[in-house]
Amino acid sequence: MLVMIITSGRKQLTSSAAVRFRGTGCSILSALQDLSVAFLPCRSKMEKHLQVISVLQWVISFLALGAACTFLLIYMFCTDCWLISAIYTAWLIVDWNTPKQGGRRSSWVRNWTVWTYFRDYFPIRLIKTHNLLPSRNYIFGYHPHGIFCFGAFCNFGTEATGFTKNFPGIKPSLATLAGNFRIPVLRDYLMSGGICPVNKNSIDYLLSRNGTGNAVVIVVGGAAESLQCAPGMNTVTLKNRKGFVRLALQKGSDLVPVYSFGENDAYKQVIFEEGSYWRSIQRRLQKIIGFAPCVFHGCGLFFGNSWGIVPYCNPITTIVGEPITVPKIEDPTDEMVDLYHAMYIRSLQCLFDKYKTRFGLKESDILYIQ
């Protein structure tokens, strides 16, 4: 009965009533749209805050997590919590060689949501140019170093840019200073992202005793290159860096040039002239502590035009180039190393020249190799 009344009522609606109804519906829809537009700035602002926090936590972790955890571990030995420190220290001794044996990567950590905010802050993109065969092992040469290797970490230490989807069957391992893996807690944090020590034992394990489909990512320029990074500079330290080529020949692993446009734009750095007093201090400290103490700044946490340690949100685009097939030679001659080193340099230069105008550089810009 109720259905019949409703149906009858619907039939008796006049055209003017229908128009008024449609008008009301449009006004409601318009109000909802206005409401959503009003909330967009708030949502956008919140996302930006989360992006800043995600980047800042990585920067602080890199700069202070190791020192803070070491101090806390020593301090706890002098308190009633000494047993916790003792247990962790004992476990640390037992687990000491794990970083050299493939580490302890965690898919859960590599897929944390925080890394998507990290990626979107700059933003960071990964571009694939050629397929990689899971039946081979690879050594990626990453350029340039930048201050904190944001592109290298985001692309190869997390899944934020979808490395495993772009390169199915390939497992990346970003290599960094071996000294980081002697520091409590920091070592576990790094290993969870698939990061390994950049030493012979670790790389030998990944390329010789861990099957195929492994890609060891080496920031070839290292600490010396970080002293040359600044916005607008396209300089890589490579001319006398041949160890990674010799290693590729010994293991029969293909070489893959990788270049990140925008990596040097994350911070502004004070670059001292070669031969100056301050540059000599930087070089000396680099030899002692393993990394170069750069004098740099980004933007402030609350005011974009102030100085701080938050990097500038300039795009970083990482291009993975074409692999260079390398034969396996257990004891390669210097001539053979020089041959493949020259091939690698040409491949990197071609990669840079092909993509430079697409990512903010001019046709006249060139890649300087030191």
Protein backbone atom coordinates (compact mmCIF):
# COMPACT_ATOMS: atom_id res chain seq x y z
CA MET A 1 0.00 0.00 0.00
CA LEU A 2 2.84 2.35 0.94
CA VAL A 3 4.63 1.59 -2.31
CA MET A 4 1.44 2.44 -4.28
CA ILE A 5 1.08 5.78 -2.48
CA ILE A 6 4.74 6.67 -3.11
CA THR A 7 4.42 5.69 -6.77
CA SER A 8 1.24 7.73 -7.13
CA GLY A 9 2.89 10.70 -5.45
CA ARG A 10 5.83 10.47 -7.84
CA LYS A 11 3.50 10.52 -10.83
CA GLN A 12 1.81 13.68 -9.51
CA LEU A 13 5.04 15.67 -9.36
CA THR A 14 4.75 18.72 -11.59
CA SER A 15 7.50 19.78 -13.90
CA SER A 16 8.15 22.87 -11.77
CA ALA A 17 8.55 20.72 -8.65
CA ALA A 18 10.97 18.49 -10.54
CA VAL A 19 12.96 21.55 -11.55
CA ARG A 20 13.02 22.74 -7.93
CA PHE A 21 14.18 19.29 -6.83
CA ARG A 22 16.98 19.27 -9.39
CA GLY A 23 17.92 22.75 -8.31
CA THR A 24 18.11 21.65 -4.69
CA GLY A 25 20.22 18.65 -5.66
CA CYS A 26 22.60 20.87 -7.59
CA SER A 27 22.90 23.26 -4.65
CA ILE A 28 23.68 20.35 -2.30
CA LEU A 29 26.27 18.98 -4.72
CA SER A 30 27.77 22.44 -5.09
CA ALA A 31 27.95 22.83 -1.31
CA LEU A 32 29.74 19.47 -0.99
CA GLN A 33 32.20 20.44 -3.68
CA ASP A 34 32.88 23.75 -1.94
CA LEU A 35 33.39 21.86 1.32
CA SER A 36 35.87 19.45 -0.29
CA VAL A 37 37.75 22.36 -1.85
CA ALA A 38 37.89 24.04 1.56
CA PHE A 39 39.46 20.89 3.06
CA LEU A 40 41.99 20.42 0.23
CA PRO A 41 44.48 23.01 1.54
CA CYS A 42 44.34 21.40 4.99
CA ARG A 43 44.91 17.94 3.56
CA SER A 44 47.68 19.19 1.29
CA LYS A 45 49.32 20.99 4.22
CA MET A 46 49.13 17.87 6.38
CA GLU A 47 50.68 15.73 3.64
CA LYS A 48 53.49 18.25 3.25
CA HIS A 49 54.19 18.10 6.98
CA LEU A 50 54.32 14.29 6.83
CA GLN A 51 56.70 14.49 3.88
CA VAL A 52 59.02 16.84 5.77
CA ILE A 53 58.95 14.59 8.84
CA SER A 54 59.73 11.49 6.77
CA VAL A 55 62.79 13.13 5.20
CA LEU A 56 63.91 14.70 8.45
CA GLN A 57 63.82 11.39 10.32
CA TRP A 58 66.19 9.87 7.73
CA VAL A 59 68.58 12.83 7.89
CA ILE A 60 68.64 12.75 11.69
CA SER A 61 69.05 8.97 11.68
CA PHE A 62 72.06 9.30 9.38
CA LEU A 63 73.61 12.10 11.42
CA ALA A 64 72.78 11.20 15.01
CA LEU A 65 71.15 7.77 15.45
CA GLY A 66 74.44 5.89 15.69
CA ALA A 67 76.00 8.28 18.21
CA ALA A 68 72.80 8.45 20.29
CA CYS A 69 72.41 4.66 20.45
CA THR A 70 76.07 4.12 21.30
CA PHE A 71 75.86 6.66 24.13
CA LEU A 72 72.60 5.12 25.40
CA LEU A 73 74.09 1.61 25.35
CA ILE A 74 77.10 2.73 27.41
CA TYR A 75 74.93 4.77 29.76
CA MET A 76 72.58 1.86 30.44
CA PHE A 77 75.53 -0.24 31.63
CA CYS A 78 75.81 2.23 34.52
CA THR A 79 72.15 1.97 35.51
CA ASP A 80 69.71 -0.69 36.69
CA CYS A 81 69.06 -1.49 33.00
CA TRP A 82 72.57 -2.90 32.56
CA LEU A 83 71.18 -6.36 31.79
CA ILE A 84 69.44 -5.05 28.64
CA SER A 85 72.72 -3.56 27.43
CA ALA A 86 74.57 -6.74 28.24
CA ILE A 87 72.11 -8.91 26.31
CA TYR A 88 72.19 -6.59 23.29
CA THR A 89 75.99 -6.44 23.35
CA ALA A 90 76.20 -10.24 23.49
CA TRP A 91 73.79 -10.53 20.58
CA LEU A 92 75.78 -7.87 18.69
CA ILE A 93 78.94 -9.98 19.02
CA VAL A 94 77.14 -13.11 17.78
CA ASP A 95 75.56 -11.19 14.89
CA TRP A 96 78.72 -9.30 13.95
CA ASN A 97 79.28 -10.94 10.56
CA THR A 98 75.68 -10.78 9.34
CA PRO A 99 76.21 -7.56 7.31
CA LYS A 100 78.99 -9.33 5.39
CA GLN A 101 76.74 -12.27 4.60
CA GLY A 102 73.89 -10.65 2.76
CA GLY A 103 72.49 -8.73 5.71
CA ARG A 104 68.95 -9.09 7.00
CA ARG A 105 66.56 -7.23 4.68
CA SER A 106 62.92 -6.79 5.62
CA SER A 107 60.22 -6.44 2.97
CA TRP A 108 58.01 -4.93 5.67
CA VAL A 109 60.48 -2.13 6.39
CA ARG A 110 61.20 -1.52 2.71
CA ASN A 111 57.45 -1.03 2.13
CA TRP A 112 56.80 1.35 5.03
CA THR A 113 54.34 4.13 4.17
CA VAL A 114 56.86 6.66 5.46
CA TRP A 115 58.97 6.04 2.35
CA THR A 116 56.13 7.10 0.05
CA TYR A 117 56.05 10.45 1.86
CA PHE A 118 59.85 10.53 1.58
CA ARG A 119 59.56 9.94 -2.18
CA ASP A 120 56.85 12.55 -2.70
CA TYR A 121 58.70 15.31 -0.82
CA PHE A 122 61.19 15.92 -3.64
CA PRO A 123 59.68 13.97 -5.56
CA ILE A 124 61.97 11.06 -6.50
CA ARG A 125 61.40 8.99 -9.65
CA LEU A 126 63.04 5.84 -11.02
CA ILE A 127 63.24 5.42 -14.80
CA LYS A 128 64.04 2.07 -16.39
CA THR A 129 65.68 2.10 -19.82
CA HIS A 130 66.46 -1.61 -20.34
CA ASN A 131 65.45 -4.97 -18.92
CA LEU A 132 67.75 -6.83 -16.56
CA LEU A 133 67.99 -10.61 -16.63
CA PRO A 134 67.44 -12.42 -13.30
CA SER A 135 69.97 -14.99 -14.49
CA ARG A 136 72.79 -12.42 -14.17
CA ASN A 137 74.34 -10.43 -11.34
CA TYR A 138 74.98 -6.70 -11.62
CA ILE A 139 77.06 -3.88 -10.22
CA PHE A 140 75.25 -0.55 -10.44
CA GLY A 141 77.49 2.51 -10.46
CA TYR A 142 75.50 5.36 -8.89
CA HIS A 143 76.31 8.99 -9.71
CA PRO A 144 76.51 11.61 -8.26
CA HIS A 145 76.92 11.14 -4.52
CA GLY A 146 75.20 14.31 -3.35
CA ILE A 147 75.19 15.00 0.38
CA PHE A 148 72.95 12.18 1.62
CA CYS A 149 72.36 10.04 -1.52
CA PHE A 150 68.61 10.60 -1.29
CA GLY A 151 67.97 9.12 -4.73
CA ALA A 152 70.10 6.04 -4.08
CA PHE A 153 68.45 5.33 -0.74
CA CYS A 154 64.86 5.87 -1.91
CA ASN A 155 65.23 3.86 -5.11
CA PHE A 156 67.37 0.97 -3.87
CA GLY A 157 66.90 0.95 -0.07
CA THR A 158 63.08 1.08 -0.19
CA GLU A 159 60.26 0.06 -2.51
CA ALA A 160 58.81 3.58 -2.72
CA THR A 161 59.63 3.90 -6.42
CA GLY A 162 58.81 0.27 -7.21
CA PHE A 163 62.23 -1.18 -8.00
CA THR A 164 61.18 -4.84 -7.77
CA LYS A 165 58.16 -4.16 -9.98
CA ASN A 166 60.28 -2.40 -12.60
CA PHE A 167 63.01 -5.04 -12.43
CA PRO A 168 61.34 -8.36 -11.53
CA GLY A 169 63.72 -10.98 -10.19
CA ILE A 170 66.41 -8.43 -9.28
CA LYS A 171 67.29 -7.78 -5.63
CA PRO A 172 69.13 -4.46 -5.00
CA SER A 173 71.68 -4.02 -2.23
CA LEU A 174 72.88 -0.46 -1.66
CA ALA A 175 76.48 -0.44 -0.42
CA THR A 176 77.60 2.12 2.15
CA LEU A 177 80.46 2.69 4.61
CA ALA A 178 81.39 -0.46 6.52
CA GLY A 179 81.84 1.59 9.69
CA ASN A 180 78.08 2.15 9.89
CA PHE A 181 77.59 -1.55 10.58
CA ARG A 182 79.71 -1.42 13.72
CA ILE A 183 77.27 0.99 15.35
CA PRO A 184 74.44 -0.47 17.48
CA VAL A 185 70.84 -0.15 16.23
CA LEU A 186 71.91 1.86 13.16
CA ARG A 187 73.36 -1.32 11.65
CA ASP A 188 70.02 -3.12 12.04
CA TYR A 189 68.11 -0.18 10.60
CA LEU A 190 70.35 -0.16 7.52
CA MET A 191 70.28 -3.93 7.04
CA SER A 192 66.47 -3.95 7.13
CA GLY A 193 66.50 -1.89 3.94
CA GLY A 194 68.86 -4.29 2.19
CA ILE A 195 71.85 -1.99 2.68
CA CYS A 196 75.26 -3.68 2.93
CA PRO A 197 78.89 -2.69 3.70
CA VAL A 198 80.91 -1.53 0.72
CA ASN A 199 83.78 -3.94 1.30
CA LYS A 200 85.17 -6.93 -0.57
CA ASN A 201 83.74 -9.63 1.72
CA SER A 202 80.19 -8.32 1.58
CA ILE A 203 80.12 -7.72 -2.18
CA ASP A 204 81.87 -11.06 -2.83
CA TYR A 205 79.14 -12.85 -0.87
CA LEU A 206 76.32 -11.16 -2.78
CA LEU A 207 77.84 -11.74 -6.21
CA SER A 208 79.34 -15.20 -5.69
CA ARG A 209 77.47 -17.08 -2.98
CA ASN A 210 73.97 -15.67 -3.11
CA GLY A 211 72.78 -17.01 -6.45
CA THR A 212 71.82 -14.73 -9.33
CA GLY A 213 69.55 -11.72 -9.71
CA ASN A 214 71.61 -9.60 -7.30
CA ALA A 215 72.39 -5.94 -7.97
CA VAL A 216 75.01 -4.29 -5.75
CA VAL A 217 74.65 -0.50 -5.92
CA ILE A 218 77.97 1.31 -5.38
CA VAL A 219 78.17 5.09 -5.09
CA VAL A 220 81.43 5.17 -7.01
CA GLY A 221 82.48 8.74 -6.22
CA GLY A 222 82.09 8.23 -2.49
CA ALA A 223 83.04 10.83 0.07
CA ALA A 224 85.43 12.64 -2.27
CA GLU A 225 82.60 13.32 -4.71
CA SER A 226 80.35 14.73 -1.99
CA LEU A 227 82.76 17.66 -1.65
CA GLN A 228 81.96 18.66 -5.23
CA CYS A 229 78.16 18.54 -5.08
CA ALA A 230 76.18 21.76 -5.32
CA PRO A 231 73.21 22.95 -7.37
CA GLY A 232 74.13 23.27 -11.04
CA MET A 233 77.27 21.13 -10.79
CA ASN A 234 77.57 17.99 -12.93
CA THR A 235 80.85 16.55 -11.70
CA VAL A 236 81.56 12.92 -10.89
CA THR A 237 84.69 11.33 -9.42
CA LEU A 238 85.36 8.38 -11.69
CA LYS A 239 88.59 8.75 -13.65
CA ASN A 240 90.72 6.84 -11.13
CA ARG A 241 87.94 4.71 -9.63
CA LYS A 242 88.51 1.30 -11.23
CA GLY A 243 88.06 -1.09 -8.33
CA PHE A 244 84.38 -1.70 -9.08
CA VAL A 245 85.27 -2.57 -12.70
CA ARG A 246 87.93 -5.07 -11.60
CA LEU A 247 85.43 -6.59 -9.20
CA ALA A 248 82.82 -6.88 -11.97
CA LEU A 249 85.34 -8.75 -14.14
CA GLN A 250 86.34 -11.09 -11.31
CA LYS A 251 82.71 -11.99 -10.60
CA GLY A 252 81.42 -11.83 -14.18
CA SER A 253 78.80 -9.26 -13.13
CA ASP A 254 77.42 -6.79 -15.66
CA LEU A 255 78.06 -3.09 -15.14
CA VAL A 256 75.08 -0.71 -15.11
CA PRO A 257 75.57 3.09 -15.11
CA VAL A 258 73.02 5.02 -13.04
CA TYR A 259 72.68 8.80 -12.98
CA SER A 260 70.40 10.86 -10.74
CA PHE A 261 69.44 14.27 -12.08
CA GLY A 262 68.73 16.64 -9.20
CA GLU A 263 70.74 14.77 -6.55
CA ASN A 264 73.10 17.74 -6.18
CA ASP A 265 70.19 20.17 -5.83
CA ALA A 266 69.04 18.92 -2.43
CA TYR A 267 71.43 21.19 -0.49
CA LYS A 268 73.61 24.24 -1.03
CA GLN A 269 77.23 23.63 -0.08
CA VAL A 270 80.19 25.87 0.56
CA ILE A 271 82.86 24.48 -1.77
CA PHE A 272 86.42 25.34 -0.81
CA GLU A 273 89.09 25.61 -3.48
CA GLU A 274 91.58 22.79 -3.89
CA GLY A 275 94.75 23.58 -1.98
CA SER A 276 93.00 25.89 0.49
CA TYR A 277 93.33 25.45 4.25
CA TRP A 278 89.70 24.34 4.76
CA ARG A 279 89.79 21.89 1.86
CA SER A 280 92.92 20.26 3.30
CA ILE A 281 91.10 19.84 6.63
CA GLN A 282 88.16 18.21 4.84
CA ARG A 283 90.49 15.82 3.02
CA ARG A 284 92.33 14.93 6.22
CA LEU A 285 89.12 14.24 8.14
CA GLN A 286 87.81 12.22 5.21
CA LYS A 287 90.78 9.85 5.49
CA ILE A 288 90.38 9.55 9.26
CA ILE A 289 86.61 9.09 9.66
CA GLY A 290 85.74 7.71 6.22
CA PHE A 291 83.40 10.46 5.06
CA ALA A 292 83.81 14.10 4.13
CA PRO A 293 82.53 16.76 6.58
CA CYS A 294 80.66 19.02 4.17
CA VAL A 295 79.57 22.56 5.01
CA PHE A 296 76.03 22.71 3.68
CA HIS A 297 72.53 23.92 4.41
CA GLY A 298 68.98 23.37 3.26
CA CYS A 299 65.80 25.13 4.31
CA GLY A 300 64.35 25.60 7.77
CA LEU A 301 61.72 23.37 9.34
CA PHE A 302 59.10 26.09 9.73
CA PHE A 303 60.16 28.80 7.31
CA GLY A 304 61.08 27.88 3.75
CA ASN A 305 63.39 30.87 3.31
CA SER A 306 65.46 30.14 6.42
CA TRP A 307 68.49 27.89 6.74
CA GLY A 308 68.26 24.39 8.18
CA ILE A 309 68.94 20.71 7.55
CA VAL A 310 65.71 20.02 5.66
CA PRO A 311 66.65 19.47 1.99
CA TYR A 312 65.16 21.61 -0.75
CA CYS A 313 62.23 19.90 -2.44
CA ASN A 314 63.75 19.72 -5.92
CA PRO A 315 62.90 16.73 -8.15
CA ILE A 316 65.37 13.83 -8.25
CA THR A 317 65.12 11.52 -11.26
CA THR A 318 67.23 8.36 -11.31
CA ILE A 319 67.97 6.82 -14.71
CA VAL A 320 69.08 3.17 -14.78
CA GLY A 321 71.09 2.75 -17.98
CA GLU A 322 71.87 -0.10 -20.32
CA PRO A 323 73.91 -2.96 -18.79
CA ILE A 324 77.42 -3.60 -20.11
CA THR A 325 78.00 -7.33 -20.47
CA VAL A 326 81.16 -8.30 -18.61
CA PRO A 327 83.00 -11.66 -18.93
CA LYS A 328 84.26 -13.51 -15.89
CA ILE A 329 88.03 -13.23 -15.56
CA GLU A 330 89.44 -14.27 -12.19
CA ASP A 331 92.66 -12.31 -12.64
CA PRO A 332 91.99 -9.48 -15.11
CA THR A 333 94.93 -7.51 -16.46
CA ASP A 334 95.19 -3.77 -16.05
CA GLU A 335 94.57 -3.38 -19.78
CA MET A 336 91.32 -5.33 -19.51
CA VAL A 337 90.20 -3.22 -16.53
CA ASP A 338 91.04 -0.03 -18.44
CA LEU A 339 89.05 -1.25 -21.46
CA TYR A 340 85.84 -1.87 -19.50
CA HIS A 341 86.38 1.24 -17.41
CA ALA A 342 86.48 3.31 -20.62
CA MET A 343 83.35 1.54 -21.87
CA TYR A 344 81.60 2.40 -18.61
CA ILE A 345 82.59 6.08 -18.83
CA ARG A 346 81.28 6.33 -22.41
CA SER A 347 78.03 4.65 -21.41
CA LEU A 348 77.56 7.05 -18.46
CA GLN A 349 78.26 10.07 -20.65
CA CYS A 350 75.76 8.87 -23.28
CA LEU A 351 73.16 8.34 -20.55
CA PHE A 352 73.72 11.86 -19.23
CA ASP A 353 73.59 13.47 -22.68
CA LYS A 354 70.46 11.59 -23.72
CA TYR A 355 68.35 12.65 -20.73
CA LYS A 356 69.82 15.96 -19.54
CA THR A 357 67.42 18.26 -21.41
CA ARG A 358 64.41 16.31 -20.14
CA PHE A 359 65.27 17.08 -16.53
CA GLY A 360 66.12 20.75 -16.40
CA LEU A 361 69.59 20.92 -17.96
CA LYS A 362 70.60 22.69 -21.13
CA GLU A 363 71.94 21.08 -24.27
CA SER A 364 75.26 22.84 -23.64
CA ASP A 365 75.69 21.28 -20.17
CA ILE A 366 78.33 18.57 -20.00
CA LEU A 367 79.30 15.91 -17.49
CA TYR A 368 82.70 16.57 -15.93
CA ILE A 369 84.61 13.44 -14.96
CA GLN A 370 87.44 13.84 -12.46
